[in-house]
Amino acid sequence: MQRKPKNLFYVEPTFTVYQALEQMVEQNVGALMVMHDGHLLGIFTERDYARKVILRGKASKHTHVEEIMSEHPVVVSPNDSVEECMKLMTSRYIRHLPVLENDTVIGLISIGDIVKYIIDEQKFIIENLEHYISGT
């Protein structure tokens, strides 16, 4: 969470799917939290759109996010490790985890964030090993 921008991207449950998709494109994200009065109600993902709108013949401009969002999303706390987040994502077949601290949403972690973190950590370790080996 420390490496991510502090912006929270979310939509209200009454937004149309089309409005949510516009925001996803504008923010270049694959999921948006669905919130009302500061409370997390669900998550809306590209997968929800494909499976619950397109394949069911619904209209994006007439369907509200609350009708197709994934309710009761799996959440994590800022104290959960990257490894714990990876395990959750893998075992639950999900790509996004809202982060809550004292029942307050503070962010959203994606599988891309996890991969980037791991790559950065590995790069750091390799650089340190190279410096150790070369004696500099």
N, C-alpha and C. Protein backbone atom coordinates (compact mmCIF):
# COMPACT_ATOMS: atom_id res chain seq x y z
N MET A 1 0.82 -1.19 0.00
CA MET A 1 0.00 0.00 0.00
C MET A 1 0.87 1.26 0.00
N GLN A 2 2.05 1.16 0.57
CA GLN A 2 2.91 2.34 0.67
C GLN A 2 3.39 2.81 -0.70
N ARG A 3 3.45 1.92 -1.66
CA ARG A 3 3.96 2.27 -2.99
C ARG A 3 2.88 2.71 -3.95
N LYS A 4 1.64 2.59 -3.54
CA LYS A 4 0.52 2.93 -4.42
C LYS A 4 0.09 4.38 -4.22
N PRO A 5 -0.47 4.98 -5.29
CA PRO A 5 -1.06 6.31 -5.12
C PRO A 5 -2.20 6.25 -4.09
N LYS A 6 -2.45 7.34 -3.44
CA LYS A 6 -3.44 7.38 -2.36
C LYS A 6 -4.88 7.53 -2.87
N ASN A 7 -5.09 7.60 -4.17
CA ASN A 7 -6.44 7.77 -4.72
C ASN A 7 -7.27 6.52 -4.53
N LEU A 8 -8.52 6.72 -4.12
CA LEU A 8 -9.49 5.63 -4.04
C LEU A 8 -10.42 5.76 -5.24
N PHE A 9 -10.45 4.74 -6.07
CA PHE A 9 -11.34 4.76 -7.22
C PHE A 9 -12.55 3.89 -6.90
N TYR A 10 -13.71 4.51 -6.92
CA TYR A 10 -14.93 3.77 -6.59
C TYR A 10 -16.12 4.40 -7.31
N VAL A 11 -17.21 3.67 -7.31
CA VAL A 11 -18.47 4.16 -7.85
C VAL A 11 -19.56 3.93 -6.82
N GLU A 12 -20.62 4.67 -6.97
CA GLU A 12 -21.81 4.46 -6.16
C GLU A 12 -22.60 3.29 -6.77
N PRO A 13 -23.36 2.58 -5.98
CA PRO A 13 -24.11 1.43 -6.50
C PRO A 13 -25.14 1.81 -7.57
N THR A 14 -25.58 3.06 -7.57
CA THR A 14 -26.59 3.50 -8.53
C THR A 14 -26.01 3.95 -9.87
N PHE A 15 -24.68 3.98 -9.97
CA PHE A 15 -24.07 4.31 -11.26
C PHE A 15 -24.46 3.24 -12.27
N THR A 16 -24.57 3.65 -13.52
CA THR A 16 -24.79 2.64 -14.55
C THR A 16 -23.47 1.94 -14.83
N VAL A 17 -23.56 0.77 -15.38
CA VAL A 17 -22.37 0.02 -15.76
C VAL A 17 -21.54 0.84 -16.74
N TYR A 18 -22.22 1.53 -17.63
CA TYR A 18 -21.53 2.36 -18.62
C TYR A 18 -20.70 3.45 -17.93
N GLN A 19 -21.28 4.11 -16.93
CA GLN A 19 -20.55 5.14 -16.19
C GLN A 19 -19.34 4.55 -15.47
N ALA A 20 -19.52 3.35 -14.92
CA ALA A 20 -18.41 2.69 -14.23
C ALA A 20 -17.30 2.34 -15.22
N LEU A 21 -17.69 1.84 -16.39
CA LEU A 21 -16.69 1.51 -17.41
C LEU A 21 -15.93 2.75 -17.87
N GLU A 22 -16.64 3.87 -18.01
CA GLU A 22 -15.97 5.12 -18.37
C GLU A 22 -14.92 5.49 -17.33
N GLN A 23 -15.27 5.34 -16.07
CA GLN A 23 -14.32 5.66 -15.01
C GLN A 23 -13.14 4.69 -15.01
N MET A 24 -13.40 3.42 -15.27
CA MET A 24 -12.32 2.43 -15.32
C MET A 24 -11.33 2.79 -16.43
N VAL A 25 -11.85 3.21 -17.58
CA VAL A 25 -10.98 3.60 -18.69
C VAL A 25 -10.20 4.86 -18.32
N GLU A 26 -10.89 5.84 -17.75
CA GLU A 26 -10.24 7.10 -17.36
C GLU A 26 -9.12 6.88 -16.35
N GLN A 27 -9.34 5.98 -15.40
CA GLN A 27 -8.35 5.71 -14.35
C GLN A 27 -7.38 4.60 -14.73
N ASN A 28 -7.64 3.94 -15.85
CA ASN A 28 -6.81 2.82 -16.33
C ASN A 28 -6.71 1.71 -15.28
N VAL A 29 -7.89 1.29 -14.79
CA VAL A 29 -7.96 0.22 -13.79
C VAL A 29 -8.90 -0.87 -14.27
N GLY A 30 -8.77 -2.06 -13.71
CA GLY A 30 -9.59 -3.19 -14.09
C GLY A 30 -10.71 -3.48 -13.10
N ALA A 31 -10.79 -2.67 -12.04
CA ALA A 31 -11.84 -2.87 -11.03
C ALA A 31 -12.07 -1.57 -10.28
N LEU A 32 -13.29 -1.44 -9.82
CA LEU A 32 -13.67 -0.31 -8.97
C LEU A 32 -14.41 -0.84 -7.75
N MET A 33 -14.12 -0.25 -6.61
CA MET A 33 -14.90 -0.60 -5.44
C MET A 33 -16.27 0.07 -5.57
N VAL A 34 -17.27 -0.56 -5.03
CA VAL A 34 -18.62 0.00 -5.00
C VAL A 34 -18.87 0.42 -3.56
N MET A 35 -19.06 1.74 -3.38
CA MET A 35 -19.17 2.28 -2.03
C MET A 35 -20.35 3.24 -1.93
N HIS A 36 -20.89 3.31 -0.72
CA HIS A 36 -21.93 4.28 -0.42
C HIS A 36 -21.73 4.78 1.00
N ASP A 37 -21.71 6.08 1.16
CA ASP A 37 -21.48 6.71 2.48
C ASP A 37 -20.22 6.17 3.16
N GLY A 38 -19.18 5.94 2.37
CA GLY A 38 -17.91 5.47 2.91
C GLY A 38 -17.85 4.00 3.24
N HIS A 39 -18.90 3.26 2.96
CA HIS A 39 -18.93 1.83 3.26
C HIS A 39 -18.77 1.01 1.98
N LEU A 40 -17.95 -0.01 2.08
CA LEU A 40 -17.72 -0.90 0.95
C LEU A 40 -18.91 -1.85 0.80
N LEU A 41 -19.54 -1.82 -0.36
CA LEU A 41 -20.67 -2.70 -0.64
C LEU A 41 -20.30 -3.87 -1.54
N GLY A 42 -19.29 -3.65 -2.37
CA GLY A 42 -18.89 -4.68 -3.32
C GLY A 42 -17.76 -4.19 -4.19
N ILE A 43 -17.53 -4.95 -5.25
CA ILE A 43 -16.50 -4.59 -6.21
C ILE A 43 -17.04 -4.88 -7.60
N PHE A 44 -16.70 -4.02 -8.54
CA PHE A 44 -17.11 -4.17 -9.93
C PHE A 44 -15.85 -4.35 -10.75
N THR A 45 -15.77 -5.46 -11.47
CA THR A 45 -14.58 -5.77 -12.25
C THR A 45 -14.92 -5.99 -13.72
N GLU A 46 -13.87 -6.00 -14.52
CA GLU A 46 -14.05 -6.32 -15.94
C GLU A 46 -14.70 -7.69 -16.10
N ARG A 47 -14.36 -8.59 -15.23
CA ARG A 47 -14.94 -9.95 -15.26
C ARG A 47 -16.45 -9.90 -15.00
N ASP A 48 -16.86 -9.06 -14.04
CA ASP A 48 -18.30 -8.89 -13.79
C ASP A 48 -19.00 -8.39 -15.03
N TYR A 49 -18.38 -7.44 -15.70
CA TYR A 49 -18.97 -6.88 -16.92
C TYR A 49 -19.13 -7.96 -17.99
N ALA A 50 -18.08 -8.71 -18.21
CA ALA A 50 -18.13 -9.74 -19.26
C ALA A 50 -19.14 -10.83 -18.95
N ARG A 51 -19.18 -11.27 -17.71
CA ARG A 51 -20.03 -12.41 -17.35
C ARG A 51 -21.47 -12.05 -17.03
N LYS A 52 -21.69 -10.85 -16.49
CA LYS A 52 -23.02 -10.51 -15.99
C LYS A 52 -23.76 -9.48 -16.82
N VAL A 53 -23.07 -8.87 -17.77
CA VAL A 53 -23.73 -7.89 -18.63
C VAL A 53 -23.71 -8.40 -20.07
N ILE A 54 -22.55 -8.49 -20.63
CA ILE A 54 -22.42 -8.87 -22.05
C ILE A 54 -23.03 -10.23 -22.32
N LEU A 55 -22.63 -11.24 -21.57
CA LEU A 55 -23.10 -12.60 -21.85
C LEU A 55 -24.58 -12.81 -21.50
N ARG A 56 -25.14 -11.92 -20.70
CA ARG A 56 -26.57 -12.04 -20.36
C ARG A 56 -27.44 -11.09 -21.18
N GLY A 57 -26.81 -10.39 -22.13
CA GLY A 57 -27.56 -9.52 -23.03
C GLY A 57 -28.12 -8.27 -22.38
N LYS A 58 -27.53 -7.83 -21.28
CA LYS A 58 -28.00 -6.61 -20.62
C LYS A 58 -27.37 -5.39 -21.30
N ALA A 59 -27.97 -4.24 -21.09
CA ALA A 59 -27.48 -2.99 -21.67
C ALA A 59 -26.68 -2.23 -20.62
N SER A 60 -25.46 -1.85 -20.96
CA SER A 60 -24.58 -1.15 -20.03
C SER A 60 -25.14 0.19 -19.57
N LYS A 61 -25.88 0.85 -20.45
CA LYS A 61 -26.40 2.18 -20.10
C LYS A 61 -27.68 2.11 -19.27
N HIS A 62 -28.23 0.91 -19.11
CA HIS A 62 -29.49 0.77 -18.36
C HIS A 62 -29.36 -0.15 -17.16
N THR A 63 -28.20 -0.72 -16.96
CA THR A 63 -27.97 -1.64 -15.84
C THR A 63 -27.16 -0.91 -14.78
N HIS A 64 -27.60 -1.00 -13.54
CA HIS A 64 -26.87 -0.36 -12.45
C HIS A 64 -25.81 -1.30 -11.90
N VAL A 65 -24.74 -0.71 -11.43
CA VAL A 65 -23.62 -1.48 -10.89
C VAL A 65 -24.08 -2.42 -9.78
N GLU A 66 -25.00 -1.97 -8.93
CA GLU A 66 -25.45 -2.79 -7.80
C GLU A 66 -26.11 -4.09 -8.26
N GLU A 67 -26.59 -4.13 -9.50
CA GLU A 67 -27.23 -5.34 -10.02
C GLU A 67 -26.23 -6.43 -10.38
N ILE A 68 -25.00 -6.04 -10.66
CA ILE A 68 -24.05 -7.04 -11.18
C ILE A 68 -22.71 -7.06 -10.43
N MET A 69 -22.55 -6.19 -9.43
CA MET A 69 -21.28 -6.16 -8.69
C MET A 69 -21.09 -7.47 -7.92
N SER A 70 -19.87 -7.73 -7.56
CA SER A 70 -19.57 -8.86 -6.69
C SER A 70 -19.71 -8.36 -5.25
N GLU A 71 -20.73 -8.89 -4.56
CA GLU A 71 -20.97 -8.46 -3.18
C GLU A 71 -20.03 -9.20 -2.23
N HIS A 72 -19.84 -8.62 -1.07
CA HIS A 72 -19.02 -9.21 -0.01
C HIS A 72 -17.64 -9.62 -0.53
N PRO A 73 -16.88 -8.66 -1.08
CA PRO A 73 -15.57 -9.02 -1.60
C PRO A 73 -14.62 -9.46 -0.50
N VAL A 74 -13.68 -10.28 -0.87
CA VAL A 74 -12.61 -10.68 0.04
C VAL A 74 -11.78 -9.43 0.29
N VAL A 75 -11.49 -9.14 1.55
CA VAL A 75 -10.72 -7.95 1.89
C VAL A 75 -9.49 -8.34 2.71
N VAL A 76 -8.54 -7.42 2.75
CA VAL A 76 -7.33 -7.61 3.56
C VAL A 76 -7.11 -6.35 4.39
N SER A 77 -6.18 -6.45 5.32
CA SER A 77 -5.80 -5.30 6.14
C SER A 77 -4.39 -4.89 5.73
N PRO A 78 -3.96 -3.70 6.12
CA PRO A 78 -2.60 -3.27 5.80
C PRO A 78 -1.54 -4.15 6.45
N ASN A 79 -1.93 -4.93 7.44
CA ASN A 79 -0.98 -5.81 8.13
C ASN A 79 -0.77 -7.14 7.41
N ASP A 80 -1.63 -7.46 6.44
CA ASP A 80 -1.48 -8.71 5.70
C ASP A 80 -0.27 -8.62 4.78
N SER A 81 0.47 -9.70 4.70
CA SER A 81 1.69 -9.71 3.88
C SER A 81 1.35 -9.91 2.41
N VAL A 82 2.34 -9.63 1.58
CA VAL A 82 2.20 -9.86 0.14
C VAL A 82 1.91 -11.34 -0.12
N GLU A 83 2.58 -12.21 0.62
CA GLU A 83 2.37 -13.64 0.47
C GLU A 83 0.94 -14.04 0.80
N GLU A 84 0.38 -13.45 1.87
CA GLU A 84 -1.01 -13.75 2.24
C GLU A 84 -1.97 -13.25 1.16
N CYS A 85 -1.70 -12.09 0.61
CA CYS A 85 -2.54 -11.56 -0.47
C CYS A 85 -2.47 -12.46 -1.70
N MET A 86 -1.27 -12.92 -2.04
CA MET A 86 -1.10 -13.82 -3.19
C MET A 86 -1.88 -15.11 -2.98
N LYS A 87 -1.81 -15.67 -1.78
CA LYS A 87 -2.53 -16.91 -1.49
C LYS A 87 -4.03 -16.71 -1.64
N LEU A 88 -4.54 -15.60 -1.11
CA LEU A 88 -5.97 -15.30 -1.22
C LEU A 88 -6.39 -15.17 -2.68
N MET A 89 -5.62 -14.41 -3.44
CA MET A 89 -5.96 -14.21 -4.85
C MET A 89 -5.94 -15.52 -5.62
N THR A 90 -4.96 -16.33 -5.34
CA THR A 90 -4.83 -17.61 -6.05
C THR A 90 -5.94 -18.58 -5.65
N SER A 91 -6.19 -18.71 -4.36
CA SER A 91 -7.17 -19.69 -3.90
C SER A 91 -8.61 -19.27 -4.24
N ARG A 92 -8.87 -17.98 -4.31
CA ARG A 92 -10.23 -17.49 -4.58
C ARG A 92 -10.45 -17.09 -6.04
N TYR A 93 -9.40 -17.21 -6.85
CA TYR A 93 -9.47 -16.83 -8.28
C TYR A 93 -9.93 -15.39 -8.45
N ILE A 94 -9.32 -14.49 -7.69
CA ILE A 94 -9.65 -13.08 -7.80
C ILE A 94 -8.39 -12.28 -8.12
N ARG A 95 -8.59 -11.07 -8.62
CA ARG A 95 -7.46 -10.24 -9.04
C ARG A 95 -7.36 -8.94 -8.26
N HIS A 96 -8.32 -8.67 -7.38
CA HIS A 96 -8.34 -7.41 -6.64
C HIS A 96 -8.76 -7.64 -5.20
N LEU A 97 -8.10 -6.94 -4.29
CA LEU A 97 -8.40 -7.04 -2.86
C LEU A 97 -8.55 -5.65 -2.26
N PRO A 98 -9.74 -5.27 -1.84
CA PRO A 98 -9.87 -4.02 -1.09
C PRO A 98 -9.10 -4.13 0.22
N VAL A 99 -8.50 -3.02 0.63
CA VAL A 99 -7.74 -2.98 1.87
C VAL A 99 -8.53 -2.13 2.87
N LEU A 100 -8.87 -2.74 4.01
CA LEU A 100 -9.64 -2.04 5.04
C LEU A 100 -8.82 -1.95 6.32
N GLU A 101 -8.93 -0.78 6.94
CA GLU A 101 -8.30 -0.57 8.24
C GLU A 101 -9.38 -0.01 9.16
N ASN A 102 -9.71 -0.73 10.22
CA ASN A 102 -10.79 -0.34 11.14
C ASN A 102 -12.09 -0.08 10.38
N ASP A 103 -12.45 -0.99 9.49
CA ASP A 103 -13.68 -0.90 8.69
C ASP A 103 -13.71 0.29 7.72
N THR A 104 -12.57 0.92 7.49
CA THR A 104 -12.47 2.02 6.55
C THR A 104 -11.62 1.59 5.36
N VAL A 105 -12.14 1.81 4.16
CA VAL A 105 -11.40 1.45 2.95
C VAL A 105 -10.23 2.41 2.80
N ILE A 106 -9.03 1.85 2.65
CA ILE A 106 -7.85 2.70 2.45
C ILE A 106 -7.17 2.44 1.10
N GLY A 107 -7.64 1.43 0.36
CA GLY A 107 -7.03 1.17 -0.93
C GLY A 107 -7.52 -0.11 -1.56
N LEU A 108 -6.92 -0.41 -2.70
CA LEU A 108 -7.24 -1.62 -3.46
C LEU A 108 -5.94 -2.17 -4.02
N ILE A 109 -5.69 -3.44 -3.76
CA ILE A 109 -4.49 -4.11 -4.26
C ILE A 109 -4.88 -5.00 -5.43
N SER A 110 -4.11 -4.92 -6.51
CA SER A 110 -4.38 -5.77 -7.68
C SER A 110 -3.28 -6.80 -7.82
N ILE A 111 -3.54 -7.80 -8.63
CA ILE A 111 -2.53 -8.81 -8.90
C ILE A 111 -1.31 -8.16 -9.56
N GLY A 112 -1.55 -7.11 -10.34
CA GLY A 112 -0.45 -6.35 -10.95
C GLY A 112 0.43 -5.70 -9.90
N ASP A 113 -0.18 -5.18 -8.84
CA ASP A 113 0.59 -4.59 -7.73
C ASP A 113 1.46 -5.64 -7.07
N ILE A 114 0.91 -6.82 -6.89
CA ILE A 114 1.66 -7.92 -6.26
C ILE A 114 2.85 -8.31 -7.13
N VAL A 115 2.61 -8.48 -8.42
CA VAL A 115 3.70 -8.86 -9.34
C VAL A 115 4.78 -7.79 -9.35
N LYS A 116 4.39 -6.53 -9.42
CA LYS A 116 5.37 -5.44 -9.42
C LYS A 116 6.20 -5.45 -8.13
N TYR A 117 5.54 -5.67 -7.00
CA TYR A 117 6.24 -5.71 -5.72
C TYR A 117 7.28 -6.84 -5.72
N ILE A 118 6.88 -8.00 -6.18
CA ILE A 118 7.80 -9.15 -6.19
C ILE A 118 8.99 -8.90 -7.11
N ILE A 119 8.72 -8.34 -8.28
CA ILE A 119 9.81 -8.03 -9.23
C ILE A 119 10.77 -7.02 -8.61
N ASP A 120 10.24 -5.97 -8.00
CA ASP A 120 11.09 -4.96 -7.35
C ASP A 120 11.92 -5.57 -6.23
N GLU A 121 11.31 -6.44 -5.43
CA GLU A 121 12.04 -7.09 -4.34
C GLU A 121 13.17 -7.98 -4.88
N GLN A 122 12.86 -8.74 -5.93
CA GLN A 122 13.88 -9.60 -6.52
C GLN A 122 15.02 -8.78 -7.12
N LYS A 123 14.69 -7.69 -7.77
CA LYS A 123 15.70 -6.80 -8.34
C LYS A 123 16.60 -6.26 -7.23
N PHE A 124 16.00 -5.85 -6.12
CA PHE A 124 16.75 -5.33 -4.98
C PHE A 124 17.71 -6.40 -4.44
N ILE A 125 17.22 -7.60 -4.28
CA ILE A 125 18.06 -8.70 -3.77
C ILE A 125 19.21 -8.99 -4.72
N ILE A 126 18.92 -9.05 -6.01
CA ILE A 126 19.96 -9.32 -7.01
C ILE A 126 21.03 -8.23 -6.98
N GLU A 127 20.60 -6.97 -6.93
CA GLU A 127 21.57 -5.87 -6.88
C GLU A 127 22.45 -5.96 -5.64
N ASN A 128 21.86 -6.28 -4.49
CA ASN A 128 22.65 -6.42 -3.27
C ASN A 128 23.62 -7.59 -3.37
N LEU A 129 23.18 -8.69 -3.94
CA LEU A 129 24.08 -9.84 -4.11
C LEU A 129 25.23 -9.50 -5.06
N GLU A 130 24.92 -8.78 -6.12
CA GLU A 130 25.98 -8.38 -7.07
C GLU A 130 27.00 -7.49 -6.40
N HIS A 131 26.54 -6.52 -5.56
CA HIS A 131 27.45 -5.65 -4.84
C HIS A 131 28.29 -6.46 -3.84
N TYR A 132 27.66 -7.42 -3.19
CA TYR A 132 28.38 -8.25 -2.23
C TYR A 132 29.45 -9.07 -2.92
N ILE A 133 29.10 -9.67 -4.05
CA ILE A 133 30.04 -10.51 -4.78
C ILE A 133 31.20 -9.68 -5.33
N SER A 134 30.90 -8.51 -5.86
CA SER A 134 31.94 -7.68 -6.47
C SER A 134 32.76 -6.93 -5.41
N GLY A 135 32.27 -6.90 -4.17
CA GLY A 135 33.01 -6.27 -3.09
C GLY A 135 32.88 -4.76 -3.06
N THR A 136 31.89 -4.20 -3.77
CA THR A 136 31.72 -2.74 -3.75
C THR A 136 30.60 -2.33 -2.82
